[in-house]
Amino acid sequence: MATNKKDEFTINDQSISQMAKAMSHPARITIMRILAENPGYTCGEIVDVLPLAQATVSHHLKELYDARLIDIMFEGKKSHYEINWNSWKSYTISLTQFLNFVNNQTNSPEG
């Protein structure tokens, strides 16, 4: 069985990478901002705020969901989206620790 090179990196680095990739598009950043202000919005409500087609917003929501940054709640035929706060907090803590580590290296005598 072939191994994935990603498996050779720490779980923490893989997690930061996956979430950073999910957040690497301005539409997704905006969607996270919209959901922070309006928990439970549907895709249609998000489409009303963005200059994007419904299919494009759905794609971005899927990327955020796959990265565990948002949750979907089903209500009949409607899907409501909310930020997965546990994943978000874990991601921001890990990212902050990583950024602080890198920043501290530039301040070290060797850096």
PDB file of N, CA and C in Angstrom:
ATOM      1  N   MET A   1       0.847  -1.182   0.000  1.00  0.00           N
ATOM      2  CA  MET A   1       0.000   0.000   0.000  1.00  0.00           C
ATOM      3  C   MET A   1       0.891   1.244   0.000  1.00  0.00           C
ATOM      4  N   ALA A   2       0.621   2.165  -0.878  1.00  0.00           N
ATOM      5  CA  ALA A   2       1.406   3.395  -0.977  1.00  0.00           C
ATOM      6  C   ALA A   2       1.117   4.300   0.219  1.00  0.00           C
ATOM      7  N   THR A   3       2.164   4.943   0.698  1.00  0.00           N
ATOM      8  CA  THR A   3       1.972   5.870   1.811  1.00  0.00           C
ATOM      9  C   THR A   3       1.902   7.287   1.269  1.00  0.00           C
ATOM     10  N   ASN A   4       1.154   8.098   1.957  1.00  0.00           N
ATOM     11  CA  ASN A   4       1.022   9.496   1.600  1.00  0.00           C
ATOM     12  C   ASN A   4       2.133  10.258   2.313  1.00  0.00           C
ATOM     13  N   LYS A   5       2.848  11.096   1.577  1.00  0.00           N
ATOM     14  CA  LYS A   5       3.947  11.864   2.183  1.00  0.00           C
ATOM     15  C   LYS A   5       3.454  12.747   3.326  1.00  0.00           C
ATOM     16  N   LYS A   6       2.193  13.172   3.275  1.00  0.00           N
ATOM     17  CA  LYS A   6       1.655  13.987   4.361  1.00  0.00           C
ATOM     18  C   LYS A   6       1.710  13.255   5.693  1.00  0.00           C
ATOM     19  N   ASP A   7       1.613  11.920   5.636  1.00  0.00           N
ATOM     20  CA  ASP A   7       1.628  11.125   6.861  1.00  0.00           C
ATOM     21  C   ASP A   7       2.962  11.204   7.590  1.00  0.00           C
ATOM     22  N   GLU A   8       3.985  11.681   6.923  1.00  0.00           N
ATOM     23  CA  GLU A   8       5.304  11.784   7.546  1.00  0.00           C
ATOM     24  C   GLU A   8       5.444  13.058   8.389  1.00  0.00           C
ATOM     25  N   PHE A   9       4.428  13.910   8.385  1.00  0.00           N
ATOM     26  CA  PHE A   9       4.441  15.143   9.164  1.00  0.00           C
ATOM     27  C   PHE A   9       3.567  14.966  10.400  1.00  0.00           C
ATOM     28  N   THR A  10       3.778  15.817  11.402  1.00  0.00           N
ATOM     29  CA  THR A  10       3.015  15.684  12.640  1.00  0.00           C
ATOM     30  C   THR A  10       1.526  15.922  12.378  1.00  0.00           C
ATOM     31  N   ILE A  11       0.723  15.327  13.224  1.00  0.00           N
ATOM     32  CA  ILE A  11      -0.726  15.515  13.143  1.00  0.00           C
ATOM     33  C   ILE A  11      -1.063  16.996  13.277  1.00  0.00           C
ATOM     34  N   ASN A  12      -0.390  17.684  14.174  1.00  0.00           N
ATOM     35  CA  ASN A  12      -0.636  19.109  14.385  1.00  0.00           C
ATOM     36  C   ASN A  12      -0.331  19.911  13.115  1.00  0.00           C
ATOM     37  N   ASP A  13       0.804  19.632  12.467  1.00  0.00           N
ATOM     38  CA  ASP A  13       1.150  20.344  11.236  1.00  0.00           C
ATOM     39  C   ASP A  13       0.163  20.018  10.110  1.00  0.00           C
ATOM     40  N   GLN A  14      -0.292  18.781  10.056  1.00  0.00           N
ATOM     41  CA  GLN A  14      -1.289  18.404   9.057  1.00  0.00           C
ATOM     42  C   GLN A  14      -2.608  19.145   9.293  1.00  0.00           C
ATOM     43  N   SER A  15      -2.992  19.257  10.558  1.00  0.00           N
ATOM     44  CA  SER A  15      -4.239  19.935  10.909  1.00  0.00           C
ATOM     45  C   SER A  15      -4.172  21.424  10.560  1.00  0.00           C
ATOM     46  N   ILE A  16      -3.060  22.071  10.932  1.00  0.00           N
ATOM     47  CA  ILE A  16      -2.893  23.487  10.603  1.00  0.00           C
ATOM     48  C   ILE A  16      -2.962  23.671   9.086  1.00  0.00           C
ATOM     49  N   SER A  17      -2.292  22.791   8.352  1.00  0.00           N
ATOM     50  CA  SER A  17      -2.266  22.882   6.896  1.00  0.00           C
ATOM     51  C   SER A  17      -3.660  22.727   6.292  1.00  0.00           C
ATOM     52  N   GLN A  18      -4.416  21.740   6.763  1.00  0.00           N
ATOM     53  CA  GLN A  18      -5.757  21.501   6.242  1.00  0.00           C
ATOM     54  C   GLN A  18      -6.667  22.709   6.487  1.00  0.00           C
ATOM     55  N   MET A  19      -6.606  23.253   7.669  1.00  0.00           N
ATOM     56  CA  MET A  19      -7.469  24.381   7.988  1.00  0.00           C
ATOM     57  C   MET A  19      -6.999  25.652   7.299  1.00  0.00           C
ATOM     58  N   ALA A  20      -5.687  25.828   7.188  1.00  0.00           N
ATOM     59  CA  ALA A  20      -5.165  26.997   6.477  1.00  0.00           C
ATOM     60  C   ALA A  20      -5.567  26.937   5.006  1.00  0.00           C
ATOM     61  N   LYS A  21      -5.536  25.752   4.433  1.00  0.00           N
ATOM     62  CA  LYS A  21      -5.965  25.592   3.042  1.00  0.00           C
ATOM     63  C   LYS A  21      -7.443  25.956   2.896  1.00  0.00           C
ATOM     64  N   ALA A  22      -8.253  25.517   3.848  1.00  0.00           N
ATOM     65  CA  ALA A  22      -9.686  25.839   3.802  1.00  0.00           C
ATOM     66  C   ALA A  22      -9.925  27.336   3.931  1.00  0.00           C
ATOM     67  N   MET A  23      -9.047  28.016   4.662  1.00  0.00           N
ATOM     68  CA  MET A  23      -9.211  29.456   4.865  1.00  0.00           C
ATOM     69  C   MET A  23      -8.458  30.286   3.824  1.00  0.00           C
ATOM     70  N   SER A  24      -7.912  29.639   2.807  1.00  0.00           N
ATOM     71  CA  SER A  24      -7.041  30.335   1.856  1.00  0.00           C
ATOM     72  C   SER A  24      -7.782  31.060   0.741  1.00  0.00           C
ATOM     73  N   HIS A  25      -9.076  31.129   0.811  1.00  0.00           N
ATOM     74  CA  HIS A  25      -9.854  31.840  -0.214  1.00  0.00           C
ATOM     75  C   HIS A  25     -10.654  32.956   0.452  1.00  0.00           C
ATOM     76  N   PRO A  26     -10.650  34.152  -0.139  1.00  0.00           N
ATOM     77  CA  PRO A  26     -11.378  35.261   0.498  1.00  0.00           C
ATOM     78  C   PRO A  26     -12.868  34.994   0.673  1.00  0.00           C
ATOM     79  N   ALA A  27     -13.456  34.205  -0.195  1.00  0.00           N
ATOM     80  CA  ALA A  27     -14.883  33.889  -0.038  1.00  0.00           C
ATOM     81  C   ALA A  27     -15.113  33.087   1.237  1.00  0.00           C
ATOM     82  N   ARG A  28     -14.194  32.183   1.542  1.00  0.00           N
ATOM     83  CA  ARG A  28     -14.348  31.363   2.745  1.00  0.00           C
ATOM     84  C   ARG A  28     -14.130  32.188   4.005  1.00  0.00           C
ATOM     85  N   ILE A  29     -13.209  33.117   3.950  1.00  0.00           N
ATOM     86  CA  ILE A  29     -13.013  34.020   5.082  1.00  0.00           C
ATOM     87  C   ILE A  29     -14.283  34.835   5.303  1.00  0.00           C
ATOM     88  N   THR A  30     -14.856  35.323   4.220  1.00  0.00           N
ATOM     89  CA  THR A  30     -16.095  36.097   4.320  1.00  0.00           C
ATOM     90  C   THR A  30     -17.242  35.237   4.835  1.00  0.00           C
ATOM     91  N   ILE A  31     -17.331  33.992   4.376  1.00  0.00           N
ATOM     92  CA  ILE A  31     -18.380  33.089   4.861  1.00  0.00           C
ATOM     93  C   ILE A  31     -18.233  32.863   6.359  1.00  0.00           C
ATOM     94  N   MET A  32     -17.009  32.683   6.830  1.00  0.00           N
ATOM     95  CA  MET A  32     -16.800  32.512   8.275  1.00  0.00           C
ATOM     96  C   MET A  32     -17.241  33.765   9.033  1.00  0.00           C
ATOM     97  N   ARG A  33     -16.951  34.927   8.472  1.00  0.00           N
ATOM     98  CA  ARG A  33     -17.378  36.185   9.104  1.00  0.00           C
ATOM     99  C   ARG A  33     -18.912  36.267   9.134  1.00  0.00           C
ATOM    100  N   ILE A  34     -19.543  35.901   8.026  1.00  0.00           N
ATOM    101  CA  ILE A  34     -21.009  35.919   7.948  1.00  0.00           C
ATOM    102  C   ILE A  34     -21.605  34.979   8.993  1.00  0.00           C
ATOM    103  N   LEU A  35     -21.041  33.762   9.103  1.00  0.00           N
ATOM    104  CA  LEU A  35     -21.584  32.791  10.049  1.00  0.00           C
ATOM    105  C   LEU A  35     -21.303  33.174  11.497  1.00  0.00           C
ATOM    106  N   ALA A  36     -20.202  33.878  11.750  1.00  0.00           N
ATOM    107  CA  ALA A  36     -19.936  34.362  13.105  1.00  0.00           C
ATOM    108  C   ALA A  36     -20.996  35.377  13.516  1.00  0.00           C
ATOM    109  N   GLU A  37     -21.420  36.194  12.563  1.00  0.00           N
ATOM    110  CA  GLU A  37     -22.430  37.222  12.841  1.00  0.00           C
ATOM    111  C   GLU A  37     -23.852  36.675  12.758  1.00  0.00           C
ATOM    112  N   ASN A  38     -24.043  35.618  11.972  1.00  0.00           N
ATOM    113  CA  ASN A  38     -25.385  35.092  11.696  1.00  0.00           C
ATOM    114  C   ASN A  38     -25.398  33.569  11.774  1.00  0.00           C
ATOM    115  N   PRO A  39     -25.236  32.993  12.967  1.00  0.00           N
ATOM    116  CA  PRO A  39     -25.255  31.538  13.069  1.00  0.00           C
ATOM    117  C   PRO A  39     -26.581  30.978  12.556  1.00  0.00           C
ATOM    118  N   GLY A  40     -26.476  29.888  11.827  1.00  0.00           N
ATOM    119  CA  GLY A  40     -27.693  29.244  11.335  1.00  0.00           C
ATOM    120  C   GLY A  40     -28.136  29.692   9.963  1.00  0.00           C
ATOM    121  N   TYR A  41     -27.365  30.558   9.326  1.00  0.00           N
ATOM    122  CA  TYR A  41     -27.726  30.984   7.970  1.00  0.00           C
ATOM    123  C   TYR A  41     -27.773  29.777   7.039  1.00  0.00           C
ATOM    124  N   THR A  42     -28.659  29.850   6.058  1.00  0.00           N
ATOM    125  CA  THR A  42     -28.717  28.843   5.002  1.00  0.00           C
ATOM    126  C   THR A  42     -27.786  29.270   3.868  1.00  0.00           C
ATOM    127  N   CYS A  43     -27.559  28.357   2.953  1.00  0.00           N
ATOM    128  CA  CYS A  43     -26.733  28.689   1.793  1.00  0.00           C
ATOM    129  C   CYS A  43     -27.345  29.864   1.036  1.00  0.00           C
ATOM    130  N   GLY A  44     -28.654  29.856   0.866  1.00  0.00           N
ATOM    131  CA  GLY A  44     -29.340  30.941   0.154  1.00  0.00           C
ATOM    132  C   GLY A  44     -29.145  32.289   0.821  1.00  0.00           C
ATOM    133  N   GLU A  45     -29.161  32.311   2.141  1.00  0.00           N
ATOM    134  CA  GLU A  45     -28.942  33.570   2.859  1.00  0.00           C
ATOM    135  C   GLU A  45     -27.501  34.051   2.688  1.00  0.00           C
ATOM    136  N   ILE A  46     -26.571  33.107   2.634  1.00  0.00           N
ATOM    137  CA  ILE A  46     -25.180  33.484   2.390  1.00  0.00           C
ATOM    138  C   ILE A  46     -25.020  34.002   0.965  1.00  0.00           C
ATOM    139  N   VAL A  47     -25.671  33.350   0.017  1.00  0.00           N
ATOM    140  CA  VAL A  47     -25.630  33.786  -1.389  1.00  0.00           C
ATOM    141  C   VAL A  47     -26.145  35.213  -1.515  1.00  0.00           C
ATOM    142  N   ASP A  48     -27.184  35.557  -0.762  1.00  0.00           N
ATOM    143  CA  ASP A  48     -27.748  36.909  -0.814  1.00  0.00           C
ATOM    144  C   ASP A  48     -26.741  37.977  -0.405  1.00  0.00           C
ATOM    145  N   VAL A  49     -25.746  37.602   0.391  1.00  0.00           N
ATOM    146  CA  VAL A  49     -24.760  38.559   0.898  1.00  0.00           C
ATOM    147  C   VAL A  49     -23.523  38.630  -0.008  1.00  0.00           C
ATOM    148  N   LEU A  50     -23.237  37.547  -0.703  1.00  0.00           N
ATOM    149  CA  LEU A  50     -22.019  37.467  -1.509  1.00  0.00           C
ATOM    150  C   LEU A  50     -22.290  37.667  -2.998  1.00  0.00           C
ATOM    151  N   PRO A  51     -21.286  38.129  -3.738  1.00  0.00           N
ATOM    152  CA  PRO A  51     -21.433  38.285  -5.187  1.00  0.00           C
ATOM    153  C   PRO A  51     -21.064  36.994  -5.922  1.00  0.00           C
ATOM    154  N   LEU A  52     -21.553  35.858  -5.398  1.00  0.00           N
ATOM    155  CA  LEU A  52     -21.210  34.563  -5.967  1.00  0.00           C
ATOM    156  C   LEU A  52     -22.465  33.753  -6.248  1.00  0.00           C
ATOM    157  N   ALA A  53     -22.355  32.856  -7.197  1.00  0.00           N
ATOM    158  CA  ALA A  53     -23.468  31.966  -7.526  1.00  0.00           C
ATOM    159  C   ALA A  53     -23.680  30.948  -6.410  1.00  0.00           C
ATOM    160  N   GLN A  54     -24.879  30.401  -6.352  1.00  0.00           N
ATOM    161  CA  GLN A  54     -25.215  29.423  -5.321  1.00  0.00           C
ATOM    162  C   GLN A  54     -24.272  28.227  -5.377  1.00  0.00           C
ATOM    163  N   ALA A  55     -23.960  27.730  -6.574  1.00  0.00           N
ATOM    164  CA  ALA A  55     -23.079  26.571  -6.702  1.00  0.00           C
ATOM    165  C   ALA A  55     -21.689  26.875  -6.147  1.00  0.00           C
ATOM    166  N   THR A  56     -21.218  28.077  -6.352  1.00  0.00           N
ATOM    167  CA  THR A  56     -19.898  28.473  -5.853  1.00  0.00           C
ATOM    168  C   THR A  56     -19.902  28.550  -4.328  1.00  0.00           C
ATOM    169  N   VAL A  57     -20.944  29.129  -3.762  1.00  0.00           N
ATOM    170  CA  VAL A  57     -21.053  29.208  -2.299  1.00  0.00           C
ATOM    171  C   VAL A  57     -21.145  27.802  -1.714  1.00  0.00           C
ATOM    172  N   SER A  58     -21.906  26.925  -2.355  1.00  0.00           N
ATOM    173  CA  SER A  58     -22.006  25.539  -1.887  1.00  0.00           C
ATOM    174  C   SER A  58     -20.645  24.860  -1.874  1.00  0.00           C
ATOM    175  N   HIS A  59     -19.856  25.108  -2.907  1.00  0.00           N
ATOM    176  CA  HIS A  59     -18.507  24.540  -2.969  1.00  0.00           C
ATOM    177  C   HIS A  59     -17.657  25.039  -1.793  1.00  0.00           C
ATOM    178  N   HIS A  60     -17.716  26.330  -1.524  1.00  0.00           N
ATOM    179  CA  HIS A  60     -16.934  26.896  -0.420  1.00  0.00           C
ATOM    180  C   HIS A  60     -17.422  26.361   0.934  1.00  0.00           C
ATOM    181  N   LEU A  61     -18.716  26.195   1.085  1.00  0.00           N
ATOM    182  CA  LEU A  61     -19.258  25.623   2.323  1.00  0.00           C
ATOM    183  C   LEU A  61     -18.762  24.191   2.505  1.00  0.00           C
ATOM    184  N   LYS A  62     -18.704  23.426   1.429  1.00  0.00           N
ATOM    185  CA  LYS A  62     -18.201  22.050   1.499  1.00  0.00           C
ATOM    186  C   LYS A  62     -16.740  22.028   1.928  1.00  0.00           C
ATOM    187  N   GLU A  63     -15.937  22.933   1.388  1.00  0.00           N
ATOM    188  CA  GLU A  63     -14.523  22.998   1.774  1.00  0.00           C
ATOM    189  C   GLU A  63     -14.386  23.301   3.274  1.00  0.00           C
ATOM    190  N   LEU A  64     -15.179  24.238   3.763  1.00  0.00           N
ATOM    191  CA  LEU A  64     -15.146  24.582   5.186  1.00  0.00           C
ATOM    192  C   LEU A  64     -15.642  23.425   6.048  1.00  0.00           C
ATOM    193  N   TYR A  65     -16.654  22.732   5.576  1.00  0.00           N
ATOM    194  CA  TYR A  65     -17.195  21.578   6.300  1.00  0.00           C
ATOM    195  C   TYR A  65     -16.176  20.440   6.332  1.00  0.00           C
ATOM    196  N   ASP A  66     -15.553  20.164   5.195  1.00  0.00           N
ATOM    197  CA  ASP A  66     -14.552  19.090   5.125  1.00  0.00           C
ATOM    198  C   ASP A  66     -13.369  19.352   6.059  1.00  0.00           C
ATOM    199  N   ALA A  67     -13.061  20.623   6.280  1.00  0.00           N
ATOM    200  CA  ALA A  67     -11.982  20.999   7.199  1.00  0.00           C
ATOM    201  C   ALA A  67     -12.475  21.070   8.642  1.00  0.00           C
ATOM    202  N   ARG A  68     -13.731  20.731   8.868  1.00  0.00           N
ATOM    203  CA  ARG A  68     -14.366  20.735  10.200  1.00  0.00           C
ATOM    204  C   ARG A  68     -14.465  22.131  10.804  1.00  0.00           C
ATOM    205  N   LEU A  69     -14.474  23.148   9.960  1.00  0.00           N
ATOM    206  CA  LEU A  69     -14.598  24.516  10.465  1.00  0.00           C
ATOM    207  C   LEU A  69     -16.048  24.948  10.624  1.00  0.00           C
ATOM    208  N   ILE A  70     -16.957  24.265   9.936  1.00  0.00           N
ATOM    209  CA  ILE A  70     -18.378  24.561  10.102  1.00  0.00           C
ATOM    210  C   ILE A  70     -19.153  23.265  10.279  1.00  0.00           C
ATOM    211  N   ASP A  71     -20.332  23.381  10.853  1.00  0.00           N
ATOM    212  CA  ASP A  71     -21.258  22.264  11.018  1.00  0.00           C
ATOM    213  C   ASP A  71     -22.514  22.552  10.210  1.00  0.00           C
ATOM    214  N   ILE A  72     -23.219  21.490   9.865  1.00  0.00           N
ATOM    215  CA  ILE A  72     -24.483  21.608   9.136  1.00  0.00           C
ATOM    216  C   ILE A  72     -25.585  21.048  10.025  1.00  0.00           C
ATOM    217  N   MET A  73     -26.650  21.817  10.170  1.00  0.00           N
ATOM    218  CA  MET A  73     -27.834  21.356  10.881  1.00  0.00           C
ATOM    219  C   MET A  73     -28.968  21.270   9.860  1.00  0.00           C
ATOM    220  N   PHE A  74     -29.613  20.128   9.821  1.00  0.00           N
ATOM    221  CA  PHE A  74     -30.685  19.922   8.858  1.00  0.00           C
ATOM    222  C   PHE A  74     -32.027  20.189   9.511  1.00  0.00           C
ATOM    223  N   GLU A  75     -32.837  20.976   8.812  1.00  0.00           N
ATOM    224  CA  GLU A  75     -34.185  21.301   9.268  1.00  0.00           C
ATOM    225  C   GLU A  75     -35.108  21.109   8.072  1.00  0.00           C
ATOM    226  N   GLY A  76     -35.700  19.929   7.989  1.00  0.00           N
ATOM    227  CA  GLY A  76     -36.501  19.617   6.814  1.00  0.00           C
ATOM    228  C   GLY A  76     -35.615  19.601   5.579  1.00  0.00           C
ATOM    229  N   LYS A  77     -35.975  20.391   4.585  1.00  0.00           N
ATOM    230  CA  LYS A  77     -35.192  20.464   3.348  1.00  0.00           C
ATOM    231  C   LYS A  77     -34.088  21.510   3.417  1.00  0.00           C
ATOM    232  N   LYS A  78     -34.053  22.281   4.496  1.00  0.00           N
ATOM    233  CA  LYS A  78     -33.061  23.348   4.614  1.00  0.00           C
ATOM    234  C   LYS A  78     -31.856  22.885   5.422  1.00  0.00           C
ATOM    235  N   SER A  79     -30.714  23.384   5.017  1.00  0.00           N
ATOM    236  CA  SER A  79     -29.465  23.151   5.752  1.00  0.00           C
ATOM    237  C   SER A  79     -29.018  24.476   6.336  1.00  0.00           C
ATOM    238  N   HIS A  80     -28.735  24.460   7.622  1.00  0.00           N
ATOM    239  CA  HIS A  80     -28.256  25.645   8.314  1.00  0.00           C
ATOM    240  C   HIS A  80     -26.799  25.422   8.705  1.00  0.00           C
ATOM    241  N   TYR A  81     -26.007  26.481   8.585  1.00  0.00           N
ATOM    242  CA  TYR A  81     -24.567  26.385   8.818  1.00  0.00           C
ATOM    243  C   TYR A  81     -24.171  27.210  10.032  1.00  0.00           C
ATOM    244  N   GLU A  82     -23.261  26.643  10.805  1.00  0.00           N
ATOM    245  CA  GLU A  82     -22.705  27.339  11.965  1.00  0.00           C
ATOM    246  C   GLU A  82     -21.227  27.025  12.056  1.00  0.00           C
ATOM    247  N   ILE A  83     -20.487  27.914  12.669  1.00  0.00           N
ATOM    248  CA  ILE A  83     -19.076  27.664  12.905  1.00  0.00           C
ATOM    249  C   ILE A  83     -18.935  26.544  13.932  1.00  0.00           C
ATOM    250  N   ASN A  84     -18.026  25.630  13.675  1.00  0.00           N
ATOM    251  CA  ASN A  84     -17.688  24.591  14.645  1.00  0.00           C
ATOM    252  C   ASN A  84     -16.659  25.227  15.587  1.00  0.00           C
ATOM    253  N   TRP A  85     -17.147  25.768  16.686  1.00  0.00           N
ATOM    254  CA  TRP A  85     -16.298  26.563  17.569  1.00  0.00           C
ATOM    255  C   TRP A  85     -15.173  25.750  18.195  1.00  0.00           C
ATOM    256  N   ASN A  86     -15.402  24.468  18.471  1.00  0.00           N
ATOM    257  CA  ASN A  86     -14.324  23.648  19.039  1.00  0.00           C
ATOM    258  C   ASN A  86     -13.171  23.530  18.050  1.00  0.00           C
ATOM    259  N   SER A  87     -13.477  23.229  16.792  1.00  0.00           N
ATOM    260  CA  SER A  87     -12.426  23.129  15.772  1.00  0.00           C
ATOM    261  C   SER A  87     -11.775  24.479  15.534  1.00  0.00           C
ATOM    262  N   TRP A  88     -12.588  25.531  15.485  1.00  0.00           N
ATOM    263  CA  TRP A  88     -12.046  26.865  15.234  1.00  0.00           C
ATOM    264  C   TRP A  88     -11.059  27.253  16.335  1.00  0.00           C
ATOM    265  N   LYS A  89     -11.455  27.035  17.590  1.00  0.00           N
ATOM    266  CA  LYS A  89     -10.574  27.398  18.704  1.00  0.00           C
ATOM    267  C   LYS A  89      -9.301  26.559  18.689  1.00  0.00           C
ATOM    268  N   SER A  90      -9.431  25.288  18.406  1.00  0.00           N
ATOM    269  CA  SER A  90      -8.257  24.422  18.319  1.00  0.00           C
ATOM    270  C   SER A  90      -7.327  24.898  17.207  1.00  0.00           C
ATOM    271  N   TYR A  91      -7.900  25.242  16.064  1.00  0.00           N
ATOM    272  CA  TYR A  91      -7.109  25.737  14.935  1.00  0.00           C
ATOM    273  C   TYR A  91      -6.401  27.044  15.286  1.00  0.00           C
ATOM    274  N   THR A  92      -7.127  27.980  15.870  1.00  0.00           N
ATOM    275  CA  THR A  92      -6.507  29.276  16.174  1.00  0.00           C
ATOM    276  C   THR A  92      -5.424  29.137  17.233  1.00  0.00           C
ATOM    277  N   ILE A  93      -5.609  28.247  18.190  1.00  0.00           N
ATOM    278  CA  ILE A  93      -4.566  28.011  19.199  1.00  0.00           C
ATOM    279  C   ILE A  93      -3.327  27.417  18.535  1.00  0.00           C
ATOM    280  N   SER A  94      -3.526  26.389  17.721  1.00  0.00           N
ATOM    281  CA  SER A  94      -2.386  25.745  17.045  1.00  0.00           C
ATOM    282  C   SER A  94      -1.668  26.717  16.121  1.00  0.00           C
ATOM    283  N   LEU A  95      -2.439  27.500  15.379  1.00  0.00           N
ATOM    284  CA  LEU A  95      -1.828  28.457  14.458  1.00  0.00           C
ATOM    285  C   LEU A  95      -1.075  29.540  15.222  1.00  0.00           C
ATOM    286  N   THR A  96      -1.645  30.028  16.300  1.00  0.00           N
ATOM    287  CA  THR A  96      -0.983  31.053  17.119  1.00  0.00           C
ATOM    288  C   THR A  96       0.320  30.513  17.703  1.00  0.00           C
ATOM    289  N   GLN A  97       0.286  29.285  18.202  1.00  0.00           N
ATOM    290  CA  GLN A  97       1.502  28.680  18.748  1.00  0.00           C
ATOM    291  C   GLN A  97       2.573  28.551  17.665  1.00  0.00           C
ATOM    292  N   PHE A  98       2.172  28.127  16.481  1.00  0.00           N
ATOM    293  CA  PHE A  98       3.116  27.996  15.373  1.00  0.00           C
ATOM    294  C   PHE A  98       3.706  29.356  14.989  1.00  0.00           C
ATOM    295  N   LEU A  99       2.847  30.359  14.852  1.00  0.00           N
ATOM    296  CA  LEU A  99       3.319  31.693  14.480  1.00  0.00           C
ATOM    297  C   LEU A  99       4.247  32.258  15.550  1.00  0.00           C
ATOM    298  N   ASN A 100       3.907  32.055  16.816  1.00  0.00           N
ATOM    299  CA  ASN A 100       4.781  32.523  17.903  1.00  0.00           C
ATOM    300  C   ASN A 100       6.128  31.816  17.866  1.00  0.00           C
ATOM    301  N   PHE A 101       6.112  30.513  17.592  1.00  0.00           N
ATOM    302  CA  PHE A 101       7.365  29.766  17.492  1.00  0.00           C
ATOM    303  C   PHE A 101       8.243  30.346  16.387  1.00  0.00           C
ATOM    304  N   VAL A 102       7.677  30.554  15.213  1.00  0.00           N
ATOM    305  CA  VAL A 102       8.452  31.090  14.088  1.00  0.00           C
ATOM    306  C   VAL A 102       8.941  32.498  14.412  1.00  0.00           C
ATOM    307  N   ASN A 103       8.070  33.332  14.956  1.00  0.00           N
ATOM    308  CA  ASN A 103       8.464  34.693  15.308  1.00  0.00           C
ATOM    309  C   ASN A 103       9.587  34.710  16.344  1.00  0.00           C
ATOM    310  N   ASN A 104       9.531  33.798  17.293  1.00  0.00           N
ATOM    311  CA  ASN A 104      10.582  33.732  18.317  1.00  0.00           C
ATOM    312  C   ASN A 104      11.919  33.308  17.726  1.00  0.00           C
ATOM    313  N   GLN A 105      11.887  32.551  16.655  1.00  0.00           N
ATOM    314  CA  GLN A 105      13.145  32.146  16.026  1.00  0.00           C
ATOM    315  C   GLN A 105      13.849  33.343  15.396  1.00  0.00           C
ATOM    316  N   THR A 106      13.094  34.315  14.908  1.00  0.00           N
ATOM    317  CA  THR A 106      13.724  35.499  14.305  1.00  0.00           C
ATOM    318  C   THR A 106      14.346  36.387  15.371  1.00  0.00           C
ATOM    319  N   ASN A 107      13.932  36.211  16.622  1.00  0.00           N
ATOM    320  CA  ASN A 107      14.472  37.015  17.717  1.00  0.00           C
ATOM    321  C   ASN A 107      15.596  36.297  18.462  1.00  0.00           C
ATOM    322  N   SER A 108      15.860  35.049  18.077  1.00  0.00           N
ATOM    323  CA  SER A 108      16.898  34.296  18.777  1.00  0.00           C
ATOM    324  C   SER A 108      18.273  34.695  18.246  1.00  0.00           C
ATOM    325  N   PRO A 109      19.321  34.479  19.034  1.00  0.00           N
ATOM    326  CA  PRO A 109      20.685  34.856  18.607  1.00  0.00           C
ATOM    327  C   PRO A 109      21.096  34.157  17.305  1.00  0.00           C
ATOM    328  N   GLU A 110      20.588  32.940  17.068  1.00  0.00           N
ATOM    329  CA  GLU A 110      20.947  32.219  15.851  1.00  0.00           C
ATOM    330  C   GLU A 110      20.185  32.748  14.650  1.00  0.00           C
ATOM    331  N   GLY A 111      19.014  33.426  14.851  1.00  0.00           N
ATOM    332  CA  GLY A 111      18.120  33.830  13.775  1.00  0.00           C
ATOM    333  C   GLY A 111      18.403  35.118  13.193  1.00  0.00           C
TER     334      GLY A 111
END
